[in-house]
Amino acid sequence: MEVYSLSVGPLQENTYLLVGEGGWGVIVDPGDEAGRILAEVERVGLKPEAILLTHAHFDHVGAVAPLVEALGVPVYLHPADLPLYRRTRESGLRWGLDLPQPPEPSGWLEEGQQLDFGLGLKVLHLPGHAPGHVGFYADGKLVSGDVLFRGSIGRYDLPLADPQALFGSLKRLLSLPPQTVVFPGHGPSTTLGAEARSNPYLQAQD
């Protein structure tokens, strides 16, 4: 699985293109700038089969509507994040962003689910930053969304956030191999081993 990223929108959210054999794969968390995402899809030769969402905060879903219109692909989300997802446009406007309301999800993500799309992704339910937050894990790579960043973690003072659940999710991540490469929702990639050694929030989970 090849992972390509581009930072989009005013919050510099990381959108990921996951490319498997034959170019088939998915788009994860298309947050904004649909035109740039479509150009990257073409550049890397991705044949997108779906849009997968780690969670439904507006900065991760702002380009869903135009990409669905352009590509005709289904959208998958954990059902616990549906209330946030349905308030995308409202949430964006509070930040001065006029984002199109995304279409209803085509299907649901759940803990332990094995996704095809030529990638062998496993869904990990990692609540706390958002109730339906998930990560996507395969081949020693984790798309972590906003649970874990290099040197930090996701906010837990937002509506529907739960700090206790977030720290439980962080503890769960420590059970994955330390060489696991983490592709976060914002900022540069890292590894679980590096974060276990240097991230104060993960050290607190030992």
N, C-alpha and C. Protein backbone atom coordinates (compact mmCIF):
# COMPACT_ATOMS: atom_id res chain seq x y z
N MET A 1 0.84 -1.20 0.00
CA MET A 1 0.00 0.00 0.00
C MET A 1 0.87 1.25 0.00
N GLU A 2 0.67 2.09 -0.99
CA GLU A 2 1.36 3.37 -1.05
C GLU A 2 0.47 4.45 -0.45
N VAL A 3 1.08 5.35 0.31
CA VAL A 3 0.35 6.43 0.97
C VAL A 3 0.84 7.77 0.43
N TYR A 4 -0.08 8.54 -0.11
CA TYR A 4 0.23 9.89 -0.59
C TYR A 4 -0.60 10.87 0.23
N SER A 5 0.01 12.01 0.57
CA SER A 5 -0.73 12.98 1.39
C SER A 5 -0.62 14.37 0.79
N LEU A 6 -1.62 15.17 1.09
CA LEU A 6 -1.54 16.60 0.80
C LEU A 6 -2.31 17.34 1.88
N SER A 7 -1.74 18.47 2.29
CA SER A 7 -2.38 19.29 3.34
C SER A 7 -3.28 20.31 2.68
N VAL A 8 -4.52 20.38 3.16
CA VAL A 8 -5.53 21.20 2.50
C VAL A 8 -6.25 22.09 3.51
N GLY A 9 -6.79 23.17 3.00
CA GLY A 9 -7.65 24.03 3.80
C GLY A 9 -6.90 24.89 4.80
N PRO A 10 -7.61 25.82 5.43
CA PRO A 10 -6.97 26.74 6.38
C PRO A 10 -6.40 26.07 7.61
N LEU A 11 -6.90 24.87 7.98
CA LEU A 11 -6.36 24.16 9.14
C LEU A 11 -5.30 23.15 8.75
N GLN A 12 -4.89 23.17 7.47
CA GLN A 12 -3.83 22.28 6.97
C GLN A 12 -4.08 20.82 7.40
N GLU A 13 -5.24 20.36 7.05
CA GLU A 13 -5.63 18.97 7.33
C GLU A 13 -5.00 18.06 6.29
N ASN A 14 -4.58 16.88 6.73
CA ASN A 14 -3.95 15.92 5.83
C ASN A 14 -5.00 15.02 5.18
N THR A 15 -5.10 15.12 3.87
CA THR A 15 -5.90 14.19 3.07
C THR A 15 -4.96 13.12 2.54
N TYR A 16 -5.40 11.86 2.60
CA TYR A 16 -4.55 10.75 2.16
C TYR A 16 -5.17 10.00 0.99
N LEU A 17 -4.30 9.61 0.07
CA LEU A 17 -4.67 8.71 -1.01
C LEU A 17 -3.95 7.40 -0.74
N LEU A 18 -4.71 6.32 -0.55
CA LEU A 18 -4.15 5.00 -0.29
C LEU A 18 -4.28 4.18 -1.56
N VAL A 19 -3.15 3.77 -2.10
CA VAL A 19 -3.12 3.14 -3.42
C VAL A 19 -2.59 1.71 -3.29
N GLY A 20 -3.38 0.76 -3.78
CA GLY A 20 -2.99 -0.64 -3.75
C GLY A 20 -2.65 -1.16 -5.14
N GLU A 21 -2.68 -2.49 -5.27
CA GLU A 21 -2.34 -3.10 -6.55
C GLU A 21 -3.27 -2.64 -7.65
N GLY A 22 -2.67 -2.41 -8.81
CA GLY A 22 -3.45 -1.98 -9.96
C GLY A 22 -3.95 -0.56 -9.88
N GLY A 23 -3.51 0.17 -8.86
CA GLY A 23 -3.94 1.56 -8.71
C GLY A 23 -5.24 1.75 -7.96
N TRP A 24 -5.89 0.63 -7.57
CA TRP A 24 -7.15 0.74 -6.84
C TRP A 24 -6.89 1.19 -5.41
N GLY A 25 -7.83 1.92 -4.84
CA GLY A 25 -7.65 2.37 -3.47
C GLY A 25 -8.73 3.34 -3.05
N VAL A 26 -8.40 4.18 -2.06
CA VAL A 26 -9.40 5.06 -1.45
C VAL A 26 -8.81 6.44 -1.18
N ILE A 27 -9.71 7.37 -0.95
CA ILE A 27 -9.38 8.71 -0.46
C ILE A 27 -9.82 8.77 0.99
N VAL A 28 -8.93 9.21 1.87
CA VAL A 28 -9.25 9.32 3.29
C VAL A 28 -9.27 10.79 3.70
N ASP A 29 -10.37 11.21 4.31
CA ASP A 29 -10.50 12.55 4.91
C ASP A 29 -10.23 13.69 3.93
N PRO A 30 -11.02 13.78 2.86
CA PRO A 30 -10.85 14.92 1.95
C PRO A 30 -11.42 16.19 2.57
N GLY A 31 -10.54 17.00 3.15
CA GLY A 31 -10.99 18.11 3.99
C GLY A 31 -11.37 19.38 3.26
N ASP A 32 -10.75 19.64 2.11
CA ASP A 32 -10.98 20.90 1.40
C ASP A 32 -10.22 20.81 0.07
N GLU A 33 -10.36 21.83 -0.74
CA GLU A 33 -9.59 21.96 -1.99
C GLU A 33 -9.76 20.72 -2.88
N ALA A 34 -10.99 20.46 -3.26
CA ALA A 34 -11.30 19.28 -4.07
C ALA A 34 -10.49 19.25 -5.36
N GLY A 35 -10.27 20.41 -5.97
CA GLY A 35 -9.50 20.45 -7.21
C GLY A 35 -8.09 19.93 -7.05
N ARG A 36 -7.44 20.30 -5.95
CA ARG A 36 -6.08 19.80 -5.68
C ARG A 36 -6.10 18.30 -5.44
N ILE A 37 -7.12 17.82 -4.72
CA ILE A 37 -7.21 16.39 -4.46
C ILE A 37 -7.41 15.62 -5.76
N LEU A 38 -8.28 16.10 -6.62
CA LEU A 38 -8.51 15.42 -7.89
C LEU A 38 -7.25 15.41 -8.75
N ALA A 39 -6.49 16.51 -8.72
CA ALA A 39 -5.24 16.55 -9.48
C ALA A 39 -4.24 15.53 -8.94
N GLU A 40 -4.20 15.36 -7.62
CA GLU A 40 -3.29 14.38 -7.02
C GLU A 40 -3.75 12.96 -7.34
N VAL A 41 -5.06 12.73 -7.33
CA VAL A 41 -5.60 11.43 -7.74
C VAL A 41 -5.09 11.06 -9.12
N GLU A 42 -5.15 12.01 -10.03
CA GLU A 42 -4.69 11.75 -11.40
C GLU A 42 -3.18 11.57 -11.44
N ARG A 43 -2.46 12.38 -10.70
CA ARG A 43 -1.00 12.32 -10.73
C ARG A 43 -0.46 10.96 -10.28
N VAL A 44 -1.05 10.43 -9.20
CA VAL A 44 -0.53 9.16 -8.65
C VAL A 44 -1.18 7.94 -9.29
N GLY A 45 -2.18 8.15 -10.14
CA GLY A 45 -2.83 7.04 -10.83
C GLY A 45 -3.80 6.26 -9.97
N LEU A 46 -4.37 6.92 -8.96
CA LEU A 46 -5.35 6.26 -8.11
C LEU A 46 -6.67 6.04 -8.84
N LYS A 47 -7.19 4.84 -8.70
CA LYS A 47 -8.54 4.53 -9.17
C LYS A 47 -9.42 4.44 -7.92
N PRO A 48 -10.00 5.55 -7.47
CA PRO A 48 -10.68 5.56 -6.17
C PRO A 48 -11.96 4.74 -6.18
N GLU A 49 -12.09 3.92 -5.13
CA GLU A 49 -13.29 3.10 -4.98
C GLU A 49 -14.20 3.62 -3.87
N ALA A 50 -13.68 4.48 -3.00
CA ALA A 50 -14.48 4.97 -1.88
C ALA A 50 -13.79 6.16 -1.23
N ILE A 51 -14.57 6.89 -0.45
CA ILE A 51 -14.06 7.90 0.47
C ILE A 51 -14.27 7.35 1.87
N LEU A 52 -13.20 7.26 2.64
CA LEU A 52 -13.27 6.80 4.03
C LEU A 52 -12.99 7.99 4.95
N LEU A 53 -13.75 8.08 6.03
CA LEU A 53 -13.61 9.19 6.96
C LEU A 53 -13.19 8.68 8.33
N THR A 54 -12.08 9.23 8.85
CA THR A 54 -11.70 8.87 10.22
C THR A 54 -12.70 9.44 11.22
N HIS A 55 -13.22 10.63 10.92
CA HIS A 55 -14.24 11.26 11.75
C HIS A 55 -14.86 12.39 10.96
N ALA A 56 -15.83 13.07 11.54
CA ALA A 56 -16.66 13.98 10.75
C ALA A 56 -16.49 15.45 11.09
N HIS A 57 -15.38 15.85 11.71
CA HIS A 57 -15.16 17.28 11.89
C HIS A 57 -15.03 17.95 10.52
N PHE A 58 -15.49 19.20 10.44
CA PHE A 58 -15.65 19.84 9.13
C PHE A 58 -14.35 19.91 8.34
N ASP A 59 -13.20 20.03 9.04
CA ASP A 59 -11.94 20.16 8.32
C ASP A 59 -11.48 18.84 7.71
N HIS A 60 -12.19 17.76 7.97
CA HIS A 60 -11.87 16.46 7.38
C HIS A 60 -12.88 16.02 6.32
N VAL A 61 -13.96 16.76 6.17
CA VAL A 61 -15.02 16.32 5.24
C VAL A 61 -15.44 17.40 4.25
N GLY A 62 -14.77 18.56 4.25
CA GLY A 62 -15.22 19.69 3.46
C GLY A 62 -15.24 19.47 1.96
N ALA A 63 -14.44 18.52 1.46
CA ALA A 63 -14.41 18.26 0.01
C ALA A 63 -15.18 17.01 -0.38
N VAL A 64 -15.88 16.40 0.57
CA VAL A 64 -16.61 15.16 0.25
C VAL A 64 -17.62 15.39 -0.86
N ALA A 65 -18.45 16.42 -0.75
CA ALA A 65 -19.52 16.64 -1.72
C ALA A 65 -19.00 16.78 -3.15
N PRO A 66 -18.03 17.68 -3.42
CA PRO A 66 -17.55 17.79 -4.80
C PRO A 66 -16.83 16.54 -5.30
N LEU A 67 -16.17 15.80 -4.42
CA LEU A 67 -15.51 14.58 -4.87
C LEU A 67 -16.52 13.49 -5.21
N VAL A 68 -17.59 13.38 -4.43
CA VAL A 68 -18.64 12.42 -4.76
C VAL A 68 -19.26 12.77 -6.11
N GLU A 69 -19.47 14.06 -6.33
CA GLU A 69 -20.04 14.50 -7.60
C GLU A 69 -19.11 14.19 -8.77
N ALA A 70 -17.81 14.38 -8.56
CA ALA A 70 -16.85 14.18 -9.64
C ALA A 70 -16.54 12.71 -9.89
N LEU A 71 -16.51 11.91 -8.82
CA LEU A 71 -16.02 10.53 -8.94
C LEU A 71 -17.10 9.47 -8.80
N GLY A 72 -18.24 9.85 -8.19
CA GLY A 72 -19.33 8.89 -8.01
C GLY A 72 -19.01 7.75 -7.07
N VAL A 73 -18.17 8.02 -6.06
CA VAL A 73 -17.76 6.97 -5.13
C VAL A 73 -18.60 7.01 -3.85
N PRO A 74 -18.72 5.88 -3.15
CA PRO A 74 -19.44 5.86 -1.88
C PRO A 74 -18.61 6.46 -0.75
N VAL A 75 -19.31 6.85 0.31
CA VAL A 75 -18.68 7.46 1.48
C VAL A 75 -18.98 6.60 2.70
N TYR A 76 -17.94 6.32 3.50
CA TYR A 76 -18.10 5.48 4.69
C TYR A 76 -17.65 6.22 5.94
N LEU A 77 -18.44 6.07 7.01
CA LEU A 77 -18.26 6.80 8.26
C LEU A 77 -18.73 5.91 9.40
N HIS A 78 -18.15 6.10 10.60
CA HIS A 78 -18.69 5.41 11.77
C HIS A 78 -20.01 6.08 12.16
N PRO A 79 -21.05 5.31 12.46
CA PRO A 79 -22.37 5.91 12.73
C PRO A 79 -22.39 6.87 13.91
N ALA A 80 -21.49 6.70 14.88
CA ALA A 80 -21.50 7.60 16.04
C ALA A 80 -21.12 9.03 15.68
N ASP A 81 -20.52 9.21 14.51
CA ASP A 81 -20.15 10.56 14.07
C ASP A 81 -21.17 11.19 13.14
N LEU A 82 -22.28 10.52 12.91
CA LEU A 82 -23.28 11.06 12.00
C LEU A 82 -23.82 12.43 12.45
N PRO A 83 -24.06 12.67 13.76
CA PRO A 83 -24.52 14.01 14.16
C PRO A 83 -23.53 15.12 13.77
N LEU A 84 -22.23 14.87 13.93
CA LEU A 84 -21.23 15.85 13.51
C LEU A 84 -21.24 16.03 12.00
N TYR A 85 -21.33 14.93 11.28
CA TYR A 85 -21.31 14.94 9.82
C TYR A 85 -22.47 15.77 9.26
N ARG A 86 -23.63 15.63 9.87
CA ARG A 86 -24.80 16.36 9.38
C ARG A 86 -24.74 17.85 9.70
N ARG A 87 -23.77 18.25 10.52
CA ARG A 87 -23.62 19.68 10.84
C ARG A 87 -22.39 20.28 10.16
N THR A 88 -21.91 19.64 9.09
CA THR A 88 -20.69 20.11 8.43
C THR A 88 -20.80 21.56 8.00
N ARG A 89 -21.84 21.90 7.28
CA ARG A 89 -21.93 23.27 6.76
C ARG A 89 -22.06 24.27 7.90
N GLU A 90 -22.87 23.93 8.89
CA GLU A 90 -23.05 24.79 10.05
C GLU A 90 -21.73 25.01 10.79
N SER A 91 -20.96 23.94 10.97
CA SER A 91 -19.68 24.05 11.66
C SER A 91 -18.69 24.88 10.86
N GLY A 92 -18.66 24.68 9.55
CA GLY A 92 -17.75 25.45 8.72
C GLY A 92 -18.05 26.94 8.75
N LEU A 93 -19.32 27.28 8.75
CA LEU A 93 -19.70 28.69 8.77
C LEU A 93 -19.23 29.39 10.04
N ARG A 94 -19.16 28.65 11.14
CA ARG A 94 -18.67 29.25 12.38
C ARG A 94 -17.19 29.63 12.27
N TRP A 95 -16.49 29.00 11.35
CA TRP A 95 -15.09 29.34 11.09
C TRP A 95 -14.94 30.24 9.87
N GLY A 96 -16.06 30.73 9.35
CA GLY A 96 -16.02 31.59 8.19
C GLY A 96 -15.81 30.85 6.88
N LEU A 97 -16.10 29.54 6.87
CA LEU A 97 -15.91 28.72 5.67
C LEU A 97 -17.26 28.26 5.14
N ASP A 98 -17.49 28.48 3.87
CA ASP A 98 -18.74 28.07 3.24
C ASP A 98 -18.53 26.72 2.57
N LEU A 99 -18.66 25.65 3.34
CA LEU A 99 -18.43 24.30 2.85
C LEU A 99 -19.74 23.67 2.40
N PRO A 100 -19.73 22.92 1.30
CA PRO A 100 -20.95 22.23 0.88
C PRO A 100 -21.28 21.09 1.83
N GLN A 101 -22.55 20.94 2.15
CA GLN A 101 -22.98 19.84 3.01
C GLN A 101 -22.76 18.51 2.28
N PRO A 102 -22.01 17.57 2.87
CA PRO A 102 -21.77 16.31 2.17
C PRO A 102 -23.02 15.43 2.12
N PRO A 103 -23.06 14.53 1.14
CA PRO A 103 -24.21 13.61 1.04
C PRO A 103 -24.20 12.62 2.20
N GLU A 104 -25.33 12.02 2.45
CA GLU A 104 -25.43 11.00 3.49
C GLU A 104 -24.45 9.85 3.21
N PRO A 105 -23.88 9.24 4.25
CA PRO A 105 -22.96 8.13 4.02
C PRO A 105 -23.63 6.98 3.27
N SER A 106 -22.81 6.28 2.51
CA SER A 106 -23.29 5.12 1.76
C SER A 106 -23.27 3.86 2.61
N GLY A 107 -22.43 3.85 3.64
CA GLY A 107 -22.30 2.70 4.51
C GLY A 107 -21.54 3.06 5.76
N TRP A 108 -21.41 2.09 6.65
CA TRP A 108 -20.87 2.36 7.98
C TRP A 108 -19.56 1.64 8.23
N LEU A 109 -18.73 2.25 9.04
CA LEU A 109 -17.49 1.65 9.52
C LEU A 109 -17.70 1.17 10.95
N GLU A 110 -17.06 0.07 11.32
CA GLU A 110 -17.19 -0.44 12.68
C GLU A 110 -15.90 -1.13 13.11
N GLU A 111 -15.73 -1.25 14.41
CA GLU A 111 -14.54 -1.87 14.98
C GLU A 111 -14.29 -3.26 14.41
N GLY A 112 -13.03 -3.50 14.02
CA GLY A 112 -12.63 -4.80 13.53
C GLY A 112 -13.00 -5.10 12.09
N GLN A 113 -13.70 -4.21 11.45
CA GLN A 113 -14.13 -4.42 10.06
C GLN A 113 -12.91 -4.51 9.15
N GLN A 114 -12.94 -5.46 8.24
CA GLN A 114 -11.89 -5.60 7.23
C GLN A 114 -12.41 -5.03 5.92
N LEU A 115 -11.74 -4.01 5.44
CA LEU A 115 -12.15 -3.36 4.20
C LEU A 115 -11.35 -3.91 3.04
N ASP A 116 -11.98 -4.04 1.90
CA ASP A 116 -11.30 -4.57 0.72
C ASP A 116 -10.57 -3.43 0.00
N PHE A 117 -11.06 -3.01 -1.11
CA PHE A 117 -10.48 -1.92 -1.90
C PHE A 117 -9.03 -2.21 -2.28
N GLY A 118 -8.62 -3.50 -2.24
CA GLY A 118 -7.27 -3.86 -2.60
C GLY A 118 -6.21 -3.43 -1.61
N LEU A 119 -6.61 -3.08 -0.39
CA LEU A 119 -5.67 -2.51 0.58
C LEU A 119 -5.54 -3.33 1.86
N GLY A 120 -6.51 -4.17 2.16
CA GLY A 120 -6.46 -4.97 3.39
C GLY A 120 -6.54 -4.14 4.65
N LEU A 121 -7.32 -3.07 4.63
CA LEU A 121 -7.42 -2.18 5.79
C LEU A 121 -8.26 -2.80 6.90
N LYS A 122 -7.83 -2.60 8.13
CA LYS A 122 -8.61 -2.96 9.30
C LYS A 122 -9.07 -1.68 9.99
N VAL A 123 -10.33 -1.64 10.37
CA VAL A 123 -10.89 -0.47 11.04
C VAL A 123 -10.68 -0.62 12.55
N LEU A 124 -10.09 0.41 13.15
CA LEU A 124 -9.92 0.47 14.60
C LEU A 124 -10.78 1.61 15.13
N HIS A 125 -11.72 1.30 16.02
CA HIS A 125 -12.53 2.36 16.62
C HIS A 125 -11.70 3.02 17.71
N LEU A 126 -11.41 4.31 17.54
CA LEU A 126 -10.53 5.05 18.45
C LEU A 126 -11.24 6.32 18.92
N PRO A 127 -12.27 6.18 19.75
CA PRO A 127 -13.07 7.34 20.15
C PRO A 127 -12.32 8.25 21.12
N GLY A 128 -12.88 9.42 21.29
CA GLY A 128 -12.34 10.39 22.25
C GLY A 128 -12.30 11.78 21.66
N HIS A 129 -11.55 11.96 20.58
CA HIS A 129 -11.56 13.24 19.87
C HIS A 129 -12.94 13.47 19.26
N ALA A 130 -13.54 12.40 18.81
CA ALA A 130 -14.93 12.38 18.33
C ALA A 130 -15.47 10.99 18.65
N PRO A 131 -16.78 10.86 18.85
CA PRO A 131 -17.33 9.57 19.31
C PRO A 131 -17.16 8.44 18.32
N GLY A 132 -17.20 8.75 17.03
CA GLY A 132 -17.08 7.72 16.01
C GLY A 132 -15.73 7.71 15.32
N HIS A 133 -14.72 8.24 15.98
CA HIS A 133 -13.40 8.32 15.36
C HIS A 133 -12.84 6.92 15.14
N VAL A 134 -12.27 6.69 13.95
CA VAL A 134 -11.63 5.42 13.63
C VAL A 134 -10.25 5.68 13.04
N GLY A 135 -9.44 4.63 13.05
CA GLY A 135 -8.18 4.61 12.33
C GLY A 135 -8.21 3.48 11.33
N PHE A 136 -7.32 3.55 10.33
CA PHE A 136 -7.23 2.53 9.30
C PHE A 136 -5.81 1.95 9.33
N TYR A 137 -5.73 0.63 9.53
CA TYR A 137 -4.44 -0.01 9.77
C TYR A 137 -4.20 -1.12 8.75
N ALA A 138 -3.01 -1.12 8.16
CA ALA A 138 -2.61 -2.18 7.23
C ALA A 138 -1.12 -2.08 6.96
N ASP A 139 -0.48 -3.22 6.81
CA ASP A 139 0.92 -3.28 6.40
C ASP A 139 1.84 -2.41 7.25
N GLY A 140 1.57 -2.38 8.57
CA GLY A 140 2.42 -1.59 9.44
C GLY A 140 2.24 -0.10 9.31
N LYS A 141 1.12 0.31 8.75
CA LYS A 141 0.81 1.73 8.57
C LYS A 141 -0.54 2.04 9.19
N LEU A 142 -0.63 3.16 9.87
CA LEU A 142 -1.86 3.57 10.53
C LEU A 142 -2.23 4.99 10.12
N VAL A 143 -3.39 5.14 9.49
CA VAL A 143 -3.95 6.48 9.27
C VAL A 143 -4.75 6.80 10.52
N SER A 144 -4.21 7.70 11.33
CA SER A 144 -4.70 7.87 12.71
C SER A 144 -5.72 8.99 12.88
N GLY A 145 -5.98 9.77 11.81
CA GLY A 145 -6.88 10.90 12.00
C GLY A 145 -6.35 11.84 13.06
N ASP A 146 -7.22 12.31 13.95
CA ASP A 146 -6.83 13.29 14.95
C ASP A 146 -6.67 12.69 16.35
N VAL A 147 -6.46 11.38 16.43
CA VAL A 147 -6.19 10.77 17.74
C VAL A 147 -4.76 11.10 18.19
N LEU A 148 -3.81 10.91 17.27
CA LEU A 148 -2.39 11.03 17.62
C LEU A 148 -1.66 11.84 16.57
N PHE A 149 -0.85 12.79 17.02
CA PHE A 149 0.03 13.58 16.16
C PHE A 149 1.47 13.39 16.62
N ARG A 150 2.40 13.86 15.81
CA ARG A 150 3.79 13.86 16.26
C ARG A 150 3.93 14.82 17.44
N GLY A 151 4.23 14.27 18.60
CA GLY A 151 4.45 15.07 19.80
C GLY A 151 3.20 15.56 20.49
N SER A 152 2.02 15.17 20.01
CA SER A 152 0.80 15.68 20.61
C SER A 152 -0.35 14.71 20.34
N ILE A 153 -1.55 15.12 20.74
CA ILE A 153 -2.75 14.33 20.51
C ILE A 153 -3.88 15.27 20.09
N GLY A 154 -5.01 14.68 19.72
CA GLY A 154 -6.16 15.47 19.32
C GLY A 154 -6.82 16.17 20.50
N ARG A 155 -7.51 17.23 20.20
CA ARG A 155 -8.23 17.98 21.24
C ARG A 155 -9.36 17.15 21.82
N TYR A 156 -9.60 17.35 23.11
CA TYR A 156 -10.72 16.66 23.76
C TYR A 156 -11.62 17.63 24.49
N ASP A 157 -11.58 18.91 24.06
CA ASP A 157 -12.47 19.93 24.62
C ASP A 157 -13.53 20.36 23.62
N LEU A 158 -13.73 19.57 22.58
CA LEU A 158 -14.70 19.89 21.53
C LEU A 158 -16.04 19.23 21.83
N PRO A 159 -17.12 19.69 21.20
CA PRO A 159 -18.42 19.04 21.40
C PRO A 159 -18.36 17.54 21.07
N LEU A 160 -18.90 16.73 21.95
CA LEU A 160 -18.97 15.28 21.84
C LEU A 160 -17.63 14.58 22.08
N ALA A 161 -16.58 15.35 22.42
CA ALA A 161 -15.31 14.73 22.76
C ALA A 161 -15.37 14.11 24.16
N ASP A 162 -14.47 13.17 24.43
CA ASP A 162 -14.46 12.45 25.70
C ASP A 162 -13.00 12.16 26.05
N PRO A 163 -12.42 12.91 26.99
CA PRO A 163 -11.00 12.71 27.30
C PRO A 163 -10.67 11.31 27.79
N GLN A 164 -11.54 10.72 28.59
CA GLN A 164 -11.28 9.38 29.09
C GLN A 164 -11.20 8.37 27.94
N ALA A 165 -12.13 8.51 26.99
CA ALA A 165 -12.12 7.61 25.84
C ALA A 165 -10.88 7.84 24.98
N LEU A 166 -10.46 9.09 24.82
CA LEU A 166 -9.28 9.38 24.02
C LEU A 166 -8.04 8.73 24.63
N PHE A 167 -7.86 8.86 25.93
CA PHE A 167 -6.69 8.25 26.54
C PHE A 167 -6.76 6.73 26.49
N GLY A 168 -7.95 6.17 26.49
CA GLY A 168 -8.10 4.74 26.26
C GLY A 168 -7.68 4.35 24.85
N SER A 169 -8.00 5.19 23.89
CA SER A 169 -7.59 4.92 22.51
C SER A 169 -6.08 5.01 22.36
N LEU A 170 -5.46 5.97 23.03
CA LEU A 170 -4.00 6.09 22.98
C LEU A 170 -3.34 4.85 23.57
N LYS A 171 -3.88 4.38 24.68
CA LYS A 171 -3.34 3.17 25.30
C LYS A 171 -3.46 1.99 24.36
N ARG A 172 -4.56 1.91 23.64
CA ARG A 172 -4.74 0.82 22.68
C ARG A 172 -3.69 0.88 21.57
N LEU A 173 -3.38 2.10 21.11
CA LEU A 173 -2.40 2.24 20.05
C LEU A 173 -1.04 1.70 20.46
N LEU A 174 -0.72 1.80 21.75
CA LEU A 174 0.56 1.30 22.23
C LEU A 174 0.68 -0.22 22.09
N SER A 175 -0.43 -0.91 21.86
CA SER A 175 -0.38 -2.36 21.67
C SER A 175 0.02 -2.74 20.25
N LEU A 176 0.03 -1.77 19.33
CA LEU A 176 0.46 -2.04 17.97
C LEU A 176 1.99 -2.06 17.91
N PRO A 177 2.58 -2.67 16.89
CA PRO A 177 4.04 -2.72 16.80
C PRO A 177 4.66 -1.33 16.81
N PRO A 178 5.79 -1.15 17.52
CA PRO A 178 6.40 0.18 17.63
C PRO A 178 6.87 0.74 16.29
N GLN A 179 7.15 -0.13 15.33
CA GLN A 179 7.59 0.36 14.03
C GLN A 179 6.44 0.85 13.15
N THR A 180 5.21 0.75 13.64
CA THR A 180 4.06 1.22 12.88
C THR A 180 4.22 2.68 12.51
N VAL A 181 4.07 2.98 11.23
CA VAL A 181 4.15 4.36 10.75
C VAL A 181 2.78 5.00 10.90
N VAL A 182 2.75 6.17 11.53
CA VAL A 182 1.51 6.87 11.81
C VAL A 182 1.36 8.05 10.85
N PHE A 183 0.24 8.07 10.15
CA PHE A 183 -0.09 9.17 9.24
C PHE A 183 -1.25 9.95 9.87
N PRO A 184 -0.95 11.07 10.53
CA PRO A 184 -1.97 11.78 11.31
C PRO A 184 -2.80 12.75 10.48
N GLY A 185 -3.85 13.26 11.13
CA GLY A 185 -4.74 14.19 10.46
C GLY A 185 -4.17 15.58 10.26
N HIS A 186 -3.12 15.91 10.99
CA HIS A 186 -2.42 17.19 10.83
C HIS A 186 -0.95 16.95 11.14
N GLY A 187 -0.08 17.64 10.43
CA GLY A 187 1.34 17.56 10.72
C GLY A 187 2.02 16.37 10.09
N PRO A 188 3.33 16.19 10.40
CA PRO A 188 4.13 15.17 9.75
C PRO A 188 3.87 13.77 10.29
N SER A 189 4.27 12.77 9.52
CA SER A 189 4.15 11.39 9.96
C SER A 189 5.16 11.09 11.06
N THR A 190 4.94 9.96 11.74
CA THR A 190 5.82 9.57 12.83
C THR A 190 5.71 8.05 12.97
N THR A 191 6.25 7.50 14.04
CA THR A 191 6.06 6.09 14.33
C THR A 191 5.56 5.95 15.76
N LEU A 192 4.90 4.83 16.04
CA LEU A 192 4.43 4.61 17.40
C LEU A 192 5.59 4.51 18.38
N GLY A 193 6.70 3.92 17.94
CA GLY A 193 7.86 3.82 18.81
C GLY A 193 8.41 5.18 19.18
N ALA A 194 8.51 6.07 18.21
CA ALA A 194 9.00 7.42 18.49
C ALA A 194 8.08 8.16 19.43
N GLU A 195 6.78 8.00 19.24
CA GLU A 195 5.83 8.68 20.13
C GLU A 195 5.85 8.08 21.53
N ALA A 196 6.01 6.77 21.63
CA ALA A 196 6.08 6.13 22.95
C ALA A 196 7.28 6.64 23.74
N ARG A 197 8.36 6.99 23.01
CA ARG A 197 9.57 7.48 23.69
C ARG A 197 9.50 8.96 24.03
N SER A 198 8.80 9.76 23.20
CA SER A 198 8.95 11.21 23.34
C SER A 198 7.64 11.98 23.54
N ASN A 199 6.51 11.38 23.20
CA ASN A 199 5.24 12.09 23.31
C ASN A 199 4.75 12.03 24.75
N PRO A 200 4.63 13.16 25.44
CA PRO A 200 4.25 13.10 26.86
C PRO A 200 2.89 12.49 27.10
N TYR A 201 2.00 12.61 26.14
CA TYR A 201 0.66 12.04 26.33
C TYR A 201 0.71 10.51 26.24
N LEU A 202 1.57 9.97 25.39
CA LEU A 202 1.69 8.52 25.32
C LEU A 202 2.50 7.99 26.49
N GLN A 203 3.49 8.72 26.91
CA GLN A 203 4.28 8.28 28.07
C GLN A 203 3.39 8.16 29.31
N ALA A 204 2.37 9.00 29.38
CA ALA A 204 1.45 8.96 30.52
C ALA A 204 0.60 7.70 30.51
N GLN A 205 0.58 6.97 29.37
CA GLN A 205 -0.24 5.77 29.28
C GLN A 205 0.54 4.50 29.65
N ASP A 206 1.84 4.62 29.91
CA ASP A 206 2.64 3.44 30.27
C ASP A 206 2.15 2.82 31.55
